[in-house]
Amino acid sequence: MSTNTPDPEEMSLDELRAEIEGIDREIVELIARRTYVADTVAQVKEERDLPTTDEGQEQQVMERAGENAERFDVDANLVKAIFRLLIELNKVEQRESR
């Protein structure tokens, strides 16, 4: 546990919920940042007349997701499912913008 994170045993239920609320906000911010960068990648692909989908890159993203899940002791299947959704979100946005 980092030094910035309060000890959960010393926090009230409301404080714990507020902590989750802050984490949720950070997750959404990171999704927005990831989506912005993915949109930029899509623009570069379009400028260079490259295919929208890169299965090799997608596989690397999934492998990294699994490795990071293990590193942080989180269920790898759950993390990979979330990343599949993120990839699909980016594909939908790329198709809509073309």
N, C-alpha and C. Protein backbone atom coordinates (compact mmCIF):
# COMPACT_ATOMS: atom_id res chain seq x y z
N MET A 1 0.85 -1.18 0.00
CA MET A 1 0.00 0.00 0.00
C MET A 1 0.89 1.24 0.00
N SER A 2 0.57 2.23 -0.85
CA SER A 2 1.39 3.43 -0.91
C SER A 2 1.18 4.29 0.33
N THR A 3 2.12 5.19 0.55
CA THR A 3 2.02 6.05 1.72
C THR A 3 0.90 7.07 1.57
N ASN A 4 0.42 7.34 0.34
CA ASN A 4 -0.66 8.29 0.11
C ASN A 4 -2.03 7.69 0.42
N THR A 5 -2.12 6.38 0.42
CA THR A 5 -3.41 5.72 0.63
C THR A 5 -3.63 5.51 2.11
N PRO A 6 -4.76 6.01 2.63
CA PRO A 6 -5.05 5.81 4.06
C PRO A 6 -5.25 4.33 4.37
N ASP A 7 -5.01 3.97 5.61
CA ASP A 7 -5.23 2.59 6.06
C ASP A 7 -6.73 2.33 6.07
N PRO A 8 -7.21 1.36 5.25
CA PRO A 8 -8.65 1.11 5.17
C PRO A 8 -9.29 0.79 6.53
N GLU A 9 -8.55 0.19 7.43
CA GLU A 9 -9.11 -0.16 8.73
C GLU A 9 -9.40 1.07 9.58
N GLU A 10 -8.77 2.21 9.25
CA GLU A 10 -8.99 3.43 10.01
C GLU A 10 -9.99 4.37 9.33
N MET A 11 -10.56 3.93 8.20
CA MET A 11 -11.47 4.78 7.44
C MET A 11 -12.93 4.37 7.70
N SER A 12 -13.81 5.35 7.67
CA SER A 12 -15.24 5.07 7.79
C SER A 12 -15.75 4.58 6.45
N LEU A 13 -16.96 4.04 6.45
CA LEU A 13 -17.58 3.57 5.22
C LEU A 13 -17.72 4.72 4.22
N ASP A 14 -18.11 5.90 4.70
CA ASP A 14 -18.24 7.05 3.81
C ASP A 14 -16.89 7.44 3.21
N GLU A 15 -15.84 7.38 4.02
CA GLU A 15 -14.50 7.71 3.51
C GLU A 15 -14.05 6.68 2.46
N LEU A 16 -14.34 5.42 2.71
CA LEU A 16 -14.00 4.38 1.74
C LEU A 16 -14.75 4.58 0.44
N ARG A 17 -16.03 4.92 0.55
CA ARG A 17 -16.83 5.18 -0.66
C ARG A 17 -16.31 6.40 -1.41
N ALA A 18 -15.89 7.42 -0.68
CA ALA A 18 -15.31 8.61 -1.32
C ALA A 18 -14.01 8.24 -2.03
N GLU A 19 -13.24 7.36 -1.43
CA GLU A 19 -11.99 6.89 -2.05
C GLU A 19 -12.30 6.17 -3.37
N ILE A 20 -13.32 5.30 -3.35
CA ILE A 20 -13.72 4.60 -4.57
C ILE A 20 -14.21 5.59 -5.62
N GLU A 21 -14.96 6.59 -5.19
CA GLU A 21 -15.45 7.61 -6.12
C GLU A 21 -14.29 8.31 -6.82
N GLY A 22 -13.26 8.65 -6.07
CA GLY A 22 -12.08 9.28 -6.66
C GLY A 22 -11.36 8.35 -7.63
N ILE A 23 -11.23 7.10 -7.26
CA ILE A 23 -10.59 6.11 -8.14
C ILE A 23 -11.40 5.95 -9.42
N ASP A 24 -12.73 5.88 -9.29
CA ASP A 24 -13.59 5.75 -10.47
C ASP A 24 -13.39 6.92 -11.42
N ARG A 25 -13.29 8.13 -10.86
CA ARG A 25 -13.07 9.32 -11.68
C ARG A 25 -11.73 9.21 -12.42
N GLU A 26 -10.71 8.74 -11.73
CA GLU A 26 -9.40 8.56 -12.36
C GLU A 26 -9.46 7.52 -13.47
N ILE A 27 -10.21 6.44 -13.26
CA ILE A 27 -10.35 5.41 -14.29
C ILE A 27 -10.99 6.01 -15.54
N VAL A 28 -12.06 6.79 -15.36
CA VAL A 28 -12.73 7.40 -16.51
C VAL A 28 -11.79 8.37 -17.21
N GLU A 29 -11.01 9.13 -16.44
CA GLU A 29 -10.05 10.05 -17.03
C GLU A 29 -9.02 9.29 -17.87
N LEU A 30 -8.54 8.16 -17.35
CA LEU A 30 -7.57 7.36 -18.09
C LEU A 30 -8.19 6.76 -19.35
N ILE A 31 -9.45 6.35 -19.28
CA ILE A 31 -10.13 5.84 -20.48
C ILE A 31 -10.23 6.95 -21.52
N ALA A 32 -10.57 8.15 -21.08
CA ALA A 32 -10.67 9.29 -22.00
C ALA A 32 -9.31 9.58 -22.64
N ARG A 33 -8.25 9.55 -21.85
CA ARG A 33 -6.90 9.79 -22.39
C ARG A 33 -6.52 8.70 -23.38
N ARG A 34 -6.83 7.44 -23.03
CA ARG A 34 -6.50 6.32 -23.92
C ARG A 34 -7.28 6.46 -25.23
N THR A 35 -8.55 6.84 -25.14
CA THR A 35 -9.37 7.01 -26.33
C THR A 35 -8.83 8.12 -27.22
N TYR A 36 -8.40 9.21 -26.61
CA TYR A 36 -7.83 10.33 -27.37
C TYR A 36 -6.58 9.87 -28.13
N VAL A 37 -5.70 9.16 -27.46
CA VAL A 37 -4.47 8.69 -28.11
C VAL A 37 -4.81 7.68 -29.21
N ALA A 38 -5.76 6.79 -28.94
CA ALA A 38 -6.17 5.82 -29.96
C ALA A 38 -6.76 6.53 -31.19
N ASP A 39 -7.52 7.61 -30.96
CA ASP A 39 -8.05 8.39 -32.08
C ASP A 39 -6.92 9.00 -32.89
N THR A 40 -5.89 9.45 -32.21
CA THR A 40 -4.72 10.03 -32.90
C THR A 40 -4.02 8.95 -33.72
N VAL A 41 -3.90 7.75 -33.16
CA VAL A 41 -3.31 6.63 -33.90
C VAL A 41 -4.14 6.37 -35.16
N ALA A 42 -5.45 6.39 -35.02
CA ALA A 42 -6.34 6.15 -36.17
C ALA A 42 -6.13 7.21 -37.25
N GLN A 43 -5.93 8.47 -36.84
CA GLN A 43 -5.69 9.53 -37.82
C GLN A 43 -4.38 9.29 -38.56
N VAL A 44 -3.35 8.88 -37.84
CA VAL A 44 -2.05 8.59 -38.47
C VAL A 44 -2.21 7.42 -39.45
N LYS A 45 -2.94 6.39 -39.03
CA LYS A 45 -3.17 5.25 -39.91
C LYS A 45 -3.88 5.69 -41.19
N GLU A 46 -4.89 6.56 -41.02
CA GLU A 46 -5.64 7.03 -42.19
C GLU A 46 -4.74 7.84 -43.12
N GLU A 47 -3.91 8.72 -42.56
CA GLU A 47 -3.00 9.54 -43.36
C GLU A 47 -2.01 8.67 -44.13
N ARG A 48 -1.61 7.57 -43.53
CA ARG A 48 -0.62 6.68 -44.15
C ARG A 48 -1.27 5.53 -44.90
N ASP A 49 -2.59 5.57 -45.00
CA ASP A 49 -3.36 4.54 -45.69
C ASP A 49 -3.08 3.14 -45.15
N LEU A 50 -3.04 3.04 -43.83
CA LEU A 50 -2.81 1.76 -43.15
C LEU A 50 -4.15 1.21 -42.69
N PRO A 51 -4.25 -0.12 -42.54
CA PRO A 51 -5.51 -0.69 -42.07
C PRO A 51 -5.83 -0.23 -40.65
N THR A 52 -7.12 -0.10 -40.37
CA THR A 52 -7.57 0.34 -39.05
C THR A 52 -7.21 -0.69 -37.99
N THR A 53 -7.42 -1.96 -38.30
CA THR A 53 -7.21 -3.02 -37.32
C THR A 53 -5.80 -3.59 -37.47
N ASP A 54 -5.12 -3.76 -36.34
CA ASP A 54 -3.79 -4.37 -36.30
C ASP A 54 -3.84 -5.48 -35.25
N GLU A 55 -4.11 -6.70 -35.73
CA GLU A 55 -4.31 -7.81 -34.79
C GLU A 55 -3.06 -8.10 -33.97
N GLY A 56 -1.88 -7.90 -34.55
CA GLY A 56 -0.64 -8.11 -33.80
C GLY A 56 -0.53 -7.14 -32.64
N GLN A 57 -0.88 -5.89 -32.89
CA GLN A 57 -0.85 -4.87 -31.84
C GLN A 57 -1.89 -5.17 -30.77
N GLU A 58 -3.07 -5.60 -31.20
CA GLU A 58 -4.11 -5.95 -30.25
C GLU A 58 -3.65 -7.09 -29.34
N GLN A 59 -2.97 -8.06 -29.93
CA GLN A 59 -2.47 -9.19 -29.14
C GLN A 59 -1.45 -8.72 -28.11
N GLN A 60 -0.58 -7.79 -28.52
CA GLN A 60 0.41 -7.25 -27.58
C GLN A 60 -0.27 -6.51 -26.43
N VAL A 61 -1.33 -5.75 -26.75
CA VAL A 61 -2.08 -5.04 -25.71
C VAL A 61 -2.66 -6.04 -24.72
N MET A 62 -3.22 -7.14 -25.23
CA MET A 62 -3.83 -8.14 -24.37
C MET A 62 -2.77 -8.84 -23.50
N GLU A 63 -1.61 -9.12 -24.08
CA GLU A 63 -0.54 -9.75 -23.31
C GLU A 63 -0.06 -8.83 -22.20
N ARG A 64 0.10 -7.54 -22.53
CA ARG A 64 0.51 -6.56 -21.50
C ARG A 64 -0.54 -6.47 -20.41
N ALA A 65 -1.81 -6.48 -20.80
CA ALA A 65 -2.90 -6.40 -19.81
C ALA A 65 -2.81 -7.58 -18.85
N GLY A 66 -2.59 -8.77 -19.39
CA GLY A 66 -2.48 -9.96 -18.54
C GLY A 66 -1.27 -9.88 -17.62
N GLU A 67 -0.14 -9.43 -18.16
CA GLU A 67 1.08 -9.30 -17.35
C GLU A 67 0.88 -8.28 -16.23
N ASN A 68 0.26 -7.14 -16.56
CA ASN A 68 0.02 -6.12 -15.54
C ASN A 68 -0.97 -6.61 -14.49
N ALA A 69 -1.96 -7.38 -14.92
CA ALA A 69 -2.91 -7.94 -13.96
C ALA A 69 -2.19 -8.82 -12.96
N GLU A 70 -1.32 -9.68 -13.46
CA GLU A 70 -0.57 -10.57 -12.56
C GLU A 70 0.33 -9.76 -11.64
N ARG A 71 0.95 -8.74 -12.19
CA ARG A 71 1.86 -7.90 -11.40
C ARG A 71 1.14 -7.26 -10.22
N PHE A 72 -0.12 -6.85 -10.45
CA PHE A 72 -0.89 -6.19 -9.40
C PHE A 72 -1.87 -7.13 -8.70
N ASP A 73 -1.72 -8.42 -8.96
CA ASP A 73 -2.53 -9.45 -8.31
C ASP A 73 -4.02 -9.22 -8.52
N VAL A 74 -4.38 -8.98 -9.78
CA VAL A 74 -5.76 -8.81 -10.19
C VAL A 74 -6.09 -9.93 -11.18
N ASP A 75 -7.33 -10.37 -11.20
CA ASP A 75 -7.75 -11.44 -12.10
C ASP A 75 -7.45 -11.08 -13.56
N ALA A 76 -6.55 -11.84 -14.19
CA ALA A 76 -6.12 -11.54 -15.56
C ALA A 76 -7.27 -11.64 -16.55
N ASN A 77 -8.17 -12.59 -16.38
CA ASN A 77 -9.30 -12.72 -17.30
C ASN A 77 -10.21 -11.50 -17.24
N LEU A 78 -10.43 -11.00 -16.05
CA LEU A 78 -11.25 -9.81 -15.89
C LEU A 78 -10.59 -8.59 -16.55
N VAL A 79 -9.30 -8.42 -16.31
CA VAL A 79 -8.57 -7.29 -16.90
C VAL A 79 -8.57 -7.40 -18.42
N LYS A 80 -8.36 -8.60 -18.95
CA LYS A 80 -8.37 -8.78 -20.40
C LYS A 80 -9.75 -8.48 -20.97
N ALA A 81 -10.80 -8.84 -20.26
CA ALA A 81 -12.16 -8.53 -20.73
C ALA A 81 -12.36 -7.02 -20.81
N ILE A 82 -11.86 -6.30 -19.82
CA ILE A 82 -11.96 -4.84 -19.83
C ILE A 82 -11.20 -4.27 -21.02
N PHE A 83 -10.02 -4.80 -21.29
CA PHE A 83 -9.22 -4.31 -22.42
C PHE A 83 -9.87 -4.65 -23.75
N ARG A 84 -10.53 -5.80 -23.84
CA ARG A 84 -11.28 -6.12 -25.07
C ARG A 84 -12.36 -5.06 -25.32
N LEU A 85 -13.03 -4.66 -24.24
CA LEU A 85 -14.04 -3.60 -24.36
C LEU A 85 -13.41 -2.28 -24.81
N LEU A 86 -12.26 -1.94 -24.24
CA LEU A 86 -11.58 -0.70 -24.63
C LEU A 86 -11.19 -0.73 -26.10
N ILE A 87 -10.68 -1.86 -26.55
CA ILE A 87 -10.29 -2.00 -27.96
C ILE A 87 -11.52 -1.87 -28.85
N GLU A 88 -12.63 -2.50 -28.47
CA GLU A 88 -13.86 -2.40 -29.25
C GLU A 88 -14.37 -0.97 -29.28
N LEU A 89 -14.29 -0.28 -28.14
CA LEU A 89 -14.69 1.12 -28.09
C LEU A 89 -13.89 1.93 -29.11
N ASN A 90 -12.59 1.72 -29.16
CA ASN A 90 -11.74 2.44 -30.11
C ASN A 90 -12.08 2.10 -31.55
N LYS A 91 -12.37 0.83 -31.82
CA LYS A 91 -12.73 0.43 -33.19
C LYS A 91 -14.02 1.10 -33.63
N VAL A 92 -15.01 1.13 -32.74
CA VAL A 92 -16.29 1.76 -33.07
C VAL A 92 -16.07 3.25 -33.36
N GLU A 93 -15.31 3.91 -32.52
CA GLU A 93 -15.05 5.34 -32.72
C GLU A 93 -14.29 5.58 -34.02
N GLN A 94 -13.34 4.69 -34.34
CA GLN A 94 -12.58 4.85 -35.58
C GLN A 94 -13.49 4.67 -36.80
N ARG A 95 -14.39 3.68 -36.73
CA ARG A 95 -15.32 3.46 -37.86
C ARG A 95 -16.24 4.65 -38.03
N GLU A 96 -16.70 5.21 -36.91
CA GLU A 96 -17.63 6.34 -36.99
C GLU A 96 -16.95 7.61 -37.51
N SER A 97 -15.65 7.73 -37.27
CA SER A 97 -14.95 8.94 -37.69
C SER A 97 -14.46 8.87 -39.14
N ARG A 98 -14.52 7.69 -39.75
CA ARG A 98 -14.06 7.56 -41.14
C ARG A 98 -15.14 7.88 -42.13
